[in-house]
Amino acid sequence: MGQKSHPFGFRLGITEAHRSRWYAPKALYGELLVEDEKIRKYLDNRLNRVPPNAMVADIHIERTREELKIILRTARPGLVIGPKGAEV
């Protein structure tokens, strides 16, 4: 039996971008990685698991020293934004 590799691993860096874009010193790397996972889990539970489903396909996280930017790719942006942008 051969070892199977996930197709996303082959595409990463060639046709697919990394899901998180940031650099951290060695001491903070683990904390930020756990924080990214918590953000993804929260957004997935909030937007994809509870009806009505917002159909979020990708969650990309970018960090700089001063800000955190979360990019959502969704099929139903109206459910994420809310009426007149009230949820943003």
PDB file of N, CA and C in Angstrom:
ATOM      1  N   MET A   1       0.831  -1.181   0.000  1.00  0.00           N
ATOM      2  CA  MET A   1       0.000   0.000   0.000  1.00  0.00           C
ATOM      3  C   MET A   1       0.877   1.247   0.000  1.00  0.00           C
ATOM      4  N   GLY A   2       0.542   2.170  -0.848  1.00  0.00           N
ATOM      5  CA  GLY A   2       1.307   3.401  -0.926  1.00  0.00           C
ATOM      6  C   GLY A   2       0.769   4.459   0.026  1.00  0.00           C
ATOM      7  N   GLN A   3       1.589   5.440   0.283  1.00  0.00           N
ATOM      8  CA  GLN A   3       1.170   6.549   1.126  1.00  0.00           C
ATOM      9  C   GLN A   3       0.395   7.541   0.278  1.00  0.00           C
ATOM     10  N   LYS A   4      -0.690   8.022   0.801  1.00  0.00           N
ATOM     11  CA  LYS A   4      -1.524   8.978   0.081  1.00  0.00           C
ATOM     12  C   LYS A   4      -1.236  10.389   0.592  1.00  0.00           C
ATOM     13  N   SER A   5      -1.078  11.316  -0.332  1.00  0.00           N
ATOM     14  CA  SER A   5      -0.869  12.714   0.020  1.00  0.00           C
ATOM     15  C   SER A   5      -2.115  13.498  -0.346  1.00  0.00           C
ATOM     16  N   HIS A   6      -2.440  14.465   0.497  1.00  0.00           N
ATOM     17  CA  HIS A   6      -3.616  15.289   0.241  1.00  0.00           C
ATOM     18  C   HIS A   6      -3.335  16.202  -0.955  1.00  0.00           C
ATOM     19  N   PRO A   7      -4.283  16.343  -1.879  1.00  0.00           N
ATOM     20  CA  PRO A   7      -4.067  17.178  -3.070  1.00  0.00           C
ATOM     21  C   PRO A   7      -3.768  18.640  -2.743  1.00  0.00           C
ATOM     22  N   PHE A   8      -4.312  19.139  -1.628  1.00  0.00           N
ATOM     23  CA  PHE A   8      -4.044  20.527  -1.255  1.00  0.00           C
ATOM     24  C   PHE A   8      -2.550  20.741  -1.007  1.00  0.00           C
ATOM     25  N   GLY A   9      -1.880  19.734  -0.471  1.00  0.00           N
ATOM     26  CA  GLY A   9      -0.441  19.821  -0.237  1.00  0.00           C
ATOM     27  C   GLY A   9       0.356  19.964  -1.523  1.00  0.00           C
ATOM     28  N   PHE A  10      -0.098  19.331  -2.587  1.00  0.00           N
ATOM     29  CA  PHE A  10       0.572  19.458  -3.880  1.00  0.00           C
ATOM     30  C   PHE A  10       0.356  20.838  -4.488  1.00  0.00           C
ATOM     31  N   ARG A  11      -0.829  21.395  -4.297  1.00  0.00           N
ATOM     32  CA  ARG A  11      -1.178  22.674  -4.910  1.00  0.00           C
ATOM     33  C   ARG A  11      -0.660  23.877  -4.129  1.00  0.00           C
ATOM     34  N   LEU A  12      -0.367  23.698  -2.855  1.00  0.00           N
ATOM     35  CA  LEU A  12       0.015  24.796  -1.984  1.00  0.00           C
ATOM     36  C   LEU A  12       1.274  25.486  -2.500  1.00  0.00           C
ATOM     37  N   GLY A  13       1.160  26.780  -2.729  1.00  0.00           N
ATOM     38  CA  GLY A  13       2.289  27.559  -3.222  1.00  0.00           C
ATOM     39  C   GLY A  13       2.376  27.621  -4.732  1.00  0.00           C
ATOM     40  N   ILE A  14       1.665  26.739  -5.430  1.00  0.00           N
ATOM     41  CA  ILE A  14       1.693  26.740  -6.894  1.00  0.00           C
ATOM     42  C   ILE A  14       0.403  27.354  -7.428  1.00  0.00           C
ATOM     43  N   THR A  15      -0.713  26.702  -7.166  1.00  0.00           N
ATOM     44  CA  THR A  15      -2.000  27.230  -7.615  1.00  0.00           C
ATOM     45  C   THR A  15      -2.877  27.674  -6.455  1.00  0.00           C
ATOM     46  N   GLU A  16      -2.546  27.288  -5.245  1.00  0.00           N
ATOM     47  CA  GLU A  16      -3.302  27.676  -4.054  1.00  0.00           C
ATOM     48  C   GLU A  16      -2.406  28.513  -3.144  1.00  0.00           C
ATOM     49  N   ALA A  17      -3.012  29.513  -2.500  1.00  0.00           N
ATOM     50  CA  ALA A  17      -2.269  30.342  -1.552  1.00  0.00           C
ATOM     51  C   ALA A  17      -2.390  29.751  -0.146  1.00  0.00           C
ATOM     52  N   HIS A  18      -1.465  30.106   0.707  1.00  0.00           N
ATOM     53  CA  HIS A  18      -1.549  29.688   2.101  1.00  0.00           C
ATOM     54  C   HIS A  18      -2.778  30.324   2.740  1.00  0.00           C
ATOM     55  N   ARG A  19      -3.377  29.659   3.704  1.00  0.00           N
ATOM     56  CA  ARG A  19      -4.585  30.170   4.348  1.00  0.00           C
ATOM     57  C   ARG A  19      -4.279  31.225   5.401  1.00  0.00           C
ATOM     58  N   SER A  20      -3.056  31.295   5.844  1.00  0.00           N
ATOM     59  CA  SER A  20      -2.625  32.334   6.784  1.00  0.00           C
ATOM     60  C   SER A  20      -1.356  32.968   6.242  1.00  0.00           C
ATOM     61  N   ARG A  21      -1.298  34.307   6.307  1.00  0.00           N
ATOM     62  CA  ARG A  21      -0.123  35.026   5.839  1.00  0.00           C
ATOM     63  C   ARG A  21       0.349  35.951   6.956  1.00  0.00           C
ATOM     64  N   TRP A  22       1.386  35.526   7.652  1.00  0.00           N
ATOM     65  CA  TRP A  22       1.983  36.341   8.697  1.00  0.00           C
ATOM     66  C   TRP A  22       3.300  35.724   9.109  1.00  0.00           C
ATOM     67  N   TYR A  23       4.089  36.531   9.780  1.00  0.00           N
ATOM     68  CA  TYR A  23       5.368  36.075  10.314  1.00  0.00           C
ATOM     69  C   TYR A  23       5.386  36.433  11.791  1.00  0.00           C
ATOM     70  N   ALA A  24       5.906  35.540  12.610  1.00  0.00           N
ATOM     71  CA  ALA A  24       5.987  35.804  14.045  1.00  0.00           C
ATOM     72  C   ALA A  24       7.321  35.302  14.573  1.00  0.00           C
ATOM     73  N   PRO A  25       7.830  35.944  15.612  1.00  0.00           N
ATOM     74  CA  PRO A  25       9.023  35.415  16.261  1.00  0.00           C
ATOM     75  C   PRO A  25       8.731  34.037  16.859  1.00  0.00           C
ATOM     76  N   LYS A  26       9.764  33.290  17.072  1.00  0.00           N
ATOM     77  CA  LYS A  26       9.622  31.912  17.543  1.00  0.00           C
ATOM     78  C   LYS A  26       8.806  31.818  18.836  1.00  0.00           C
ATOM     79  N   ALA A  27       8.953  32.783  19.727  1.00  0.00           N
ATOM     80  CA  ALA A  27       8.254  32.748  21.010  1.00  0.00           C
ATOM     81  C   ALA A  27       6.742  32.928  20.861  1.00  0.00           C
ATOM     82  N   LEU A  28       6.297  33.668  19.848  1.00  0.00           N
ATOM     83  CA  LEU A  28       4.869  33.945  19.666  1.00  0.00           C
ATOM     84  C   LEU A  28       4.201  33.053  18.635  1.00  0.00           C
ATOM     85  N   TYR A  29       4.963  32.297  17.886  1.00  0.00           N
ATOM     86  CA  TYR A  29       4.421  31.538  16.759  1.00  0.00           C
ATOM     87  C   TYR A  29       3.302  30.589  17.193  1.00  0.00           C
ATOM     88  N   GLY A  30       3.522  29.832  18.240  1.00  0.00           N
ATOM     89  CA  GLY A  30       2.525  28.866  18.704  1.00  0.00           C
ATOM     90  C   GLY A  30       1.239  29.532  19.150  1.00  0.00           C
ATOM     91  N   GLU A  31       1.353  30.648  19.875  1.00  0.00           N
ATOM     92  CA  GLU A  31       0.173  31.371  20.341  1.00  0.00           C
ATOM     93  C   GLU A  31      -0.657  31.883  19.173  1.00  0.00           C
ATOM     94  N   LEU A  32       0.005  32.451  18.175  1.00  0.00           N
ATOM     95  CA  LEU A  32      -0.721  32.988  17.027  1.00  0.00           C
ATOM     96  C   LEU A  32      -1.348  31.876  16.197  1.00  0.00           C
ATOM     97  N   LEU A  33      -0.690  30.748  16.109  1.00  0.00           N
ATOM     98  CA  LEU A  33      -1.240  29.611  15.378  1.00  0.00           C
ATOM     99  C   LEU A  33      -2.509  29.096  16.055  1.00  0.00           C
ATOM    100  N   VAL A  34      -2.489  28.991  17.373  1.00  0.00           N
ATOM    101  CA  VAL A  34      -3.678  28.565  18.121  1.00  0.00           C
ATOM    102  C   VAL A  34      -4.787  29.605  17.978  1.00  0.00           C
ATOM    103  N   GLU A  35      -4.428  30.884  18.006  1.00  0.00           N
ATOM    104  CA  GLU A  35      -5.415  31.949  17.842  1.00  0.00           C
ATOM    105  C   GLU A  35      -6.072  31.878  16.462  1.00  0.00           C
ATOM    106  N   ASP A  36      -5.276  31.626  15.419  1.00  0.00           N
ATOM    107  CA  ASP A  36      -5.830  31.457  14.073  1.00  0.00           C
ATOM    108  C   ASP A  36      -6.841  30.316  14.040  1.00  0.00           C
ATOM    109  N   GLU A  37      -6.513  29.212  14.669  1.00  0.00           N
ATOM    110  CA  GLU A  37      -7.411  28.056  14.679  1.00  0.00           C
ATOM    111  C   GLU A  37      -8.706  28.374  15.428  1.00  0.00           C
ATOM    112  N   LYS A  38      -8.611  29.123  16.519  1.00  0.00           N
ATOM    113  CA  LYS A  38      -9.813  29.520  17.265  1.00  0.00           C
ATOM    114  C   LYS A  38     -10.695  30.444  16.433  1.00  0.00           C
ATOM    115  N   ILE A  39     -10.075  31.369  15.700  1.00  0.00           N
ATOM    116  CA  ILE A  39     -10.825  32.281  14.831  1.00  0.00           C
ATOM    117  C   ILE A  39     -11.554  31.491  13.756  1.00  0.00           C
ATOM    118  N   ARG A  40     -10.864  30.560  13.111  1.00  0.00           N
ATOM    119  CA  ARG A  40     -11.484  29.742  12.068  1.00  0.00           C
ATOM    120  C   ARG A  40     -12.642  28.911  12.623  1.00  0.00           C
ATOM    121  N   LYS A  41     -12.439  28.307  13.783  1.00  0.00           N
ATOM    122  CA  LYS A  41     -13.481  27.472  14.383  1.00  0.00           C
ATOM    123  C   LYS A  41     -14.704  28.316  14.752  1.00  0.00           C
ATOM    124  N   TYR A  42     -14.483  29.505  15.336  1.00  0.00           N
ATOM    125  CA  TYR A  42     -15.586  30.389  15.708  1.00  0.00           C
ATOM    126  C   TYR A  42     -16.390  30.804  14.479  1.00  0.00           C
ATOM    127  N   LEU A  43     -15.685  31.263  13.429  1.00  0.00           N
ATOM    128  CA  LEU A  43     -16.380  31.703  12.223  1.00  0.00           C
ATOM    129  C   LEU A  43     -17.113  30.550  11.546  1.00  0.00           C
ATOM    130  N   ASP A  44     -16.505  29.372  11.535  1.00  0.00           N
ATOM    131  CA  ASP A  44     -17.163  28.214  10.938  1.00  0.00           C
ATOM    132  C   ASP A  44     -18.429  27.856  11.710  1.00  0.00           C
ATOM    133  N   ASN A  45     -18.357  27.842  13.035  1.00  0.00           N
ATOM    134  CA  ASN A  45     -19.540  27.533  13.839  1.00  0.00           C
ATOM    135  C   ASN A  45     -20.613  28.602  13.705  1.00  0.00           C
ATOM    136  N   ARG A  46     -20.196  29.847  13.641  1.00  0.00           N
ATOM    137  CA  ARG A  46     -21.150  30.960  13.584  1.00  0.00           C
ATOM    138  C   ARG A  46     -21.817  31.087  12.207  1.00  0.00           C
ATOM    139  N   LEU A  47     -21.057  30.866  11.135  1.00  0.00           N
ATOM    140  CA  LEU A  47     -21.575  31.138   9.793  1.00  0.00           C
ATOM    141  C   LEU A  47     -22.002  29.896   9.025  1.00  0.00           C
ATOM    142  N   ASN A  48     -21.390  28.752   9.277  1.00  0.00           N
ATOM    143  CA  ASN A  48     -21.694  27.562   8.480  1.00  0.00           C
ATOM    144  C   ASN A  48     -22.557  26.542   9.200  1.00  0.00           C
ATOM    145  N   ARG A  49     -22.541  26.511  10.504  1.00  0.00           N
ATOM    146  CA  ARG A  49     -23.243  25.450  11.234  1.00  0.00           C
ATOM    147  C   ARG A  49     -24.658  25.826  11.651  1.00  0.00           C
ATOM    148  N   VAL A  50     -24.901  27.110  11.883  1.00  0.00           N
ATOM    149  CA  VAL A  50     -26.209  27.557  12.360  1.00  0.00           C
ATOM    150  C   VAL A  50     -27.020  28.067  11.178  1.00  0.00           C
ATOM    151  N   PRO A  51     -28.248  27.569  10.984  1.00  0.00           N
ATOM    152  CA  PRO A  51     -29.070  28.079   9.879  1.00  0.00           C
ATOM    153  C   PRO A  51     -29.397  29.538  10.113  1.00  0.00           C
ATOM    154  N   PRO A  52     -29.505  30.361   9.109  1.00  0.00           N
ATOM    155  CA  PRO A  52     -29.252  30.068   7.703  1.00  0.00           C
ATOM    156  C   PRO A  52     -27.750  29.989   7.416  1.00  0.00           C
ATOM    157  N   ASN A  53     -27.389  29.070   6.580  1.00  0.00           N
ATOM    158  CA  ASN A  53     -25.994  28.784   6.265  1.00  0.00           C
ATOM    159  C   ASN A  53     -25.439  29.830   5.299  1.00  0.00           C
ATOM    160  N   ALA A  54     -24.310  30.463   5.662  1.00  0.00           N
ATOM    161  CA  ALA A  54     -23.701  31.494   4.819  1.00  0.00           C
ATOM    162  C   ALA A  54     -22.797  30.909   3.744  1.00  0.00           C
ATOM    163  N   MET A  55     -22.516  29.611   3.784  1.00  0.00           N
ATOM    164  CA  MET A  55     -21.692  28.916   2.794  1.00  0.00           C
ATOM    165  C   MET A  55     -20.315  29.560   2.626  1.00  0.00           C
ATOM    166  N   VAL A  56     -19.580  29.689   3.713  1.00  0.00           N
ATOM    167  CA  VAL A  56     -18.220  30.230   3.678  1.00  0.00           C
ATOM    168  C   VAL A  56     -17.292  29.147   3.149  1.00  0.00           C
ATOM    169  N   ALA A  57     -16.609  29.443   2.047  1.00  0.00           N
ATOM    170  CA  ALA A  57     -15.716  28.469   1.419  1.00  0.00           C
ATOM    171  C   ALA A  57     -14.305  28.556   1.984  1.00  0.00           C
ATOM    172  N   ASP A  58     -13.776  29.762   2.132  1.00  0.00           N
ATOM    173  CA  ASP A  58     -12.404  29.954   2.595  1.00  0.00           C
ATOM    174  C   ASP A  58     -12.345  31.044   3.648  1.00  0.00           C
ATOM    175  N   ILE A  59     -11.443  30.874   4.590  1.00  0.00           N
ATOM    176  CA  ILE A  59     -11.139  31.890   5.591  1.00  0.00           C
ATOM    177  C   ILE A  59      -9.633  32.115   5.532  1.00  0.00           C
ATOM    178  N   HIS A  60      -9.227  33.291   5.080  1.00  0.00           N
ATOM    179  CA  HIS A  60      -7.810  33.646   5.001  1.00  0.00           C
ATOM    180  C   HIS A  60      -7.514  34.686   6.077  1.00  0.00           C
ATOM    181  N   ILE A  61      -6.393  34.528   6.754  1.00  0.00           N
ATOM    182  CA  ILE A  61      -6.011  35.425   7.839  1.00  0.00           C
ATOM    183  C   ILE A  61      -4.666  36.057   7.505  1.00  0.00           C
ATOM    184  N   GLU A  62      -4.622  37.388   7.569  1.00  0.00           N
ATOM    185  CA  GLU A  62      -3.389  38.138   7.347  1.00  0.00           C
ATOM    186  C   GLU A  62      -3.126  38.983   8.585  1.00  0.00           C
ATOM    187  N   ARG A  63      -1.895  39.004   9.025  1.00  0.00           N
ATOM    188  CA  ARG A  63      -1.519  39.781  10.205  1.00  0.00           C
ATOM    189  C   ARG A  63      -0.351  40.700   9.869  1.00  0.00           C
ATOM    190  N   THR A  64      -0.421  41.902  10.430  1.00  0.00           N
ATOM    191  CA  THR A  64       0.727  42.798  10.476  1.00  0.00           C
ATOM    192  C   THR A  64       0.953  43.117  11.952  1.00  0.00           C
ATOM    193  N   ARG A  65       1.876  43.996  12.228  1.00  0.00           N
ATOM    194  CA  ARG A  65       2.118  44.349  13.634  1.00  0.00           C
ATOM    195  C   ARG A  65       0.908  45.031  14.260  1.00  0.00           C
ATOM    196  N   GLU A  66       0.195  45.829  13.471  1.00  0.00           N
ATOM    197  CA  GLU A  66      -0.887  46.640  14.014  1.00  0.00           C
ATOM    198  C   GLU A  66      -2.281  46.072  13.789  1.00  0.00           C
ATOM    199  N   GLU A  67      -2.474  45.237  12.798  1.00  0.00           N
ATOM    200  CA  GLU A  67      -3.848  44.833  12.476  1.00  0.00           C
ATOM    201  C   GLU A  67      -3.950  43.360  12.116  1.00  0.00           C
ATOM    202  N   LEU A  68      -5.165  42.889  12.208  1.00  0.00           N
ATOM    203  CA  LEU A  68      -5.526  41.530  11.831  1.00  0.00           C
ATOM    204  C   LEU A  68      -6.604  41.655  10.764  1.00  0.00           C
ATOM    205  N   LYS A  69      -6.368  41.054   9.605  1.00  0.00           N
ATOM    206  CA  LYS A  69      -7.330  41.110   8.509  1.00  0.00           C
ATOM    207  C   LYS A  69      -7.830  39.697   8.242  1.00  0.00           C
ATOM    208  N   ILE A  70      -9.159  39.539   8.249  1.00  0.00           N
ATOM    209  CA  ILE A  70      -9.783  38.250   7.967  1.00  0.00           C
ATOM    210  C   ILE A  70     -10.548  38.387   6.663  1.00  0.00           C
ATOM    211  N   ILE A  71     -10.231  37.534   5.702  1.00  0.00           N
ATOM    212  CA  ILE A  71     -10.869  37.557   4.389  1.00  0.00           C
ATOM    213  C   ILE A  71     -11.746  36.320   4.276  1.00  0.00           C
ATOM    214  N   LEU A  72     -13.045  36.548   4.070  1.00  0.00           N
ATOM    215  CA  LEU A  72     -14.003  35.453   3.925  1.00  0.00           C
ATOM    216  C   LEU A  72     -14.444  35.359   2.474  1.00  0.00           C
ATOM    217  N   ARG A  73     -14.468  34.162   1.951  1.00  0.00           N
ATOM    218  CA  ARG A  73     -15.037  33.915   0.624  1.00  0.00           C
ATOM    219  C   ARG A  73     -16.330  33.155   0.848  1.00  0.00           C
ATOM    220  N   THR A  74     -17.427  33.790   0.508  1.00  0.00           N
ATOM    221  CA  THR A  74     -18.728  33.218   0.802  1.00  0.00           C
ATOM    222  C   THR A  74     -19.655  33.328  -0.397  1.00  0.00           C
ATOM    223  N   ALA A  75     -20.591  32.401  -0.474  1.00  0.00           N
ATOM    224  CA  ALA A  75     -21.577  32.418  -1.548  1.00  0.00           C
ATOM    225  C   ALA A  75     -22.736  33.352  -1.211  1.00  0.00           C
ATOM    226  N   ARG A  76     -22.926  33.637   0.071  1.00  0.00           N
ATOM    227  CA  ARG A  76     -24.042  34.470   0.505  1.00  0.00           C
ATOM    228  C   ARG A  76     -23.534  35.607   1.400  1.00  0.00           C
ATOM    229  N   PRO A  77     -22.928  36.643   0.809  1.00  0.00           N
ATOM    230  CA  PRO A  77     -22.350  37.711   1.622  1.00  0.00           C
ATOM    231  C   PRO A  77     -23.379  38.500   2.426  1.00  0.00           C
ATOM    232  N   GLY A  78     -24.614  38.527   1.975  1.00  0.00           N
ATOM    233  CA  GLY A  78     -25.650  39.248   2.710  1.00  0.00           C
ATOM    234  C   GLY A  78     -25.869  38.702   4.105  1.00  0.00           C
ATOM    235  N   LEU A  79     -25.710  37.391   4.281  1.00  0.00           N
ATOM    236  CA  LEU A  79     -25.875  36.795   5.605  1.00  0.00           C
ATOM    237  C   LEU A  79     -24.700  37.119   6.524  1.00  0.00           C
ATOM    238  N   VAL A  80     -23.526  37.305   5.953  1.00  0.00           N
ATOM    239  CA  VAL A  80     -22.346  37.639   6.756  1.00  0.00           C
ATOM    240  C   VAL A  80     -22.379  39.112   7.153  1.00  0.00           C
ATOM    241  N   ILE A  81     -22.700  39.970   6.207  1.00  0.00           N
ATOM    242  CA  ILE A  81     -22.696  41.413   6.438  1.00  0.00           C
ATOM    243  C   ILE A  81     -23.900  41.846   7.268  1.00  0.00           C
ATOM    244  N   GLY A  82     -25.051  41.243   7.018  1.00  0.00           N
ATOM    245  CA  GLY A  82     -26.268  41.623   7.723  1.00  0.00           C
ATOM    246  C   GLY A  82     -26.969  42.759   7.001  1.00  0.00           C
ATOM    247  N   PRO A  83     -28.177  43.091   7.454  1.00  0.00           N
ATOM    248  CA  PRO A  83     -28.914  44.178   6.807  1.00  0.00           C
ATOM    249  C   PRO A  83     -28.218  45.522   7.020  1.00  0.00           C
ATOM    250  N   LYS A  84     -27.947  46.190   5.926  1.00  0.00           N
ATOM    251  CA  LYS A  84     -27.293  47.504   5.914  1.00  0.00           C
ATOM    252  C   LYS A  84     -25.948  47.501   6.638  1.00  0.00           C
ATOM    253  N   GLY A  85     -25.249  46.373   6.618  1.00  0.00           N
ATOM    254  CA  GLY A  85     -23.924  46.288   7.223  1.00  0.00           C
ATOM    255  C   GLY A  85     -23.925  46.270   8.742  1.00  0.00           C
ATOM    256  N   ALA A  86     -25.023  45.885   9.352  1.00  0.00           N
ATOM    257  CA  ALA A  86     -25.151  45.913  10.811  1.00  0.00           C
ATOM    258  C   ALA A  86     -24.254  44.895  11.502  1.00  0.00           C
ATOM    259  N   GLU A  87     -23.923  43.790  10.849  1.00  0.00           N
ATOM    260  CA  GLU A  87     -23.133  42.731  11.472  1.00  0.00           C
ATOM    261  C   GLU A  87     -21.630  42.942  11.354  1.00  0.00           C
ATOM    262  N   VAL A  88     -21.205  43.895  10.546  1.00  0.00           N
ATOM    263  CA  VAL A  88     -19.773  44.095  10.318  1.00  0.00           C
ATOM    264  C   VAL A  88     -19.152  44.850  11.464  1.00  0.00           C
TER     265      VAL A  88
END
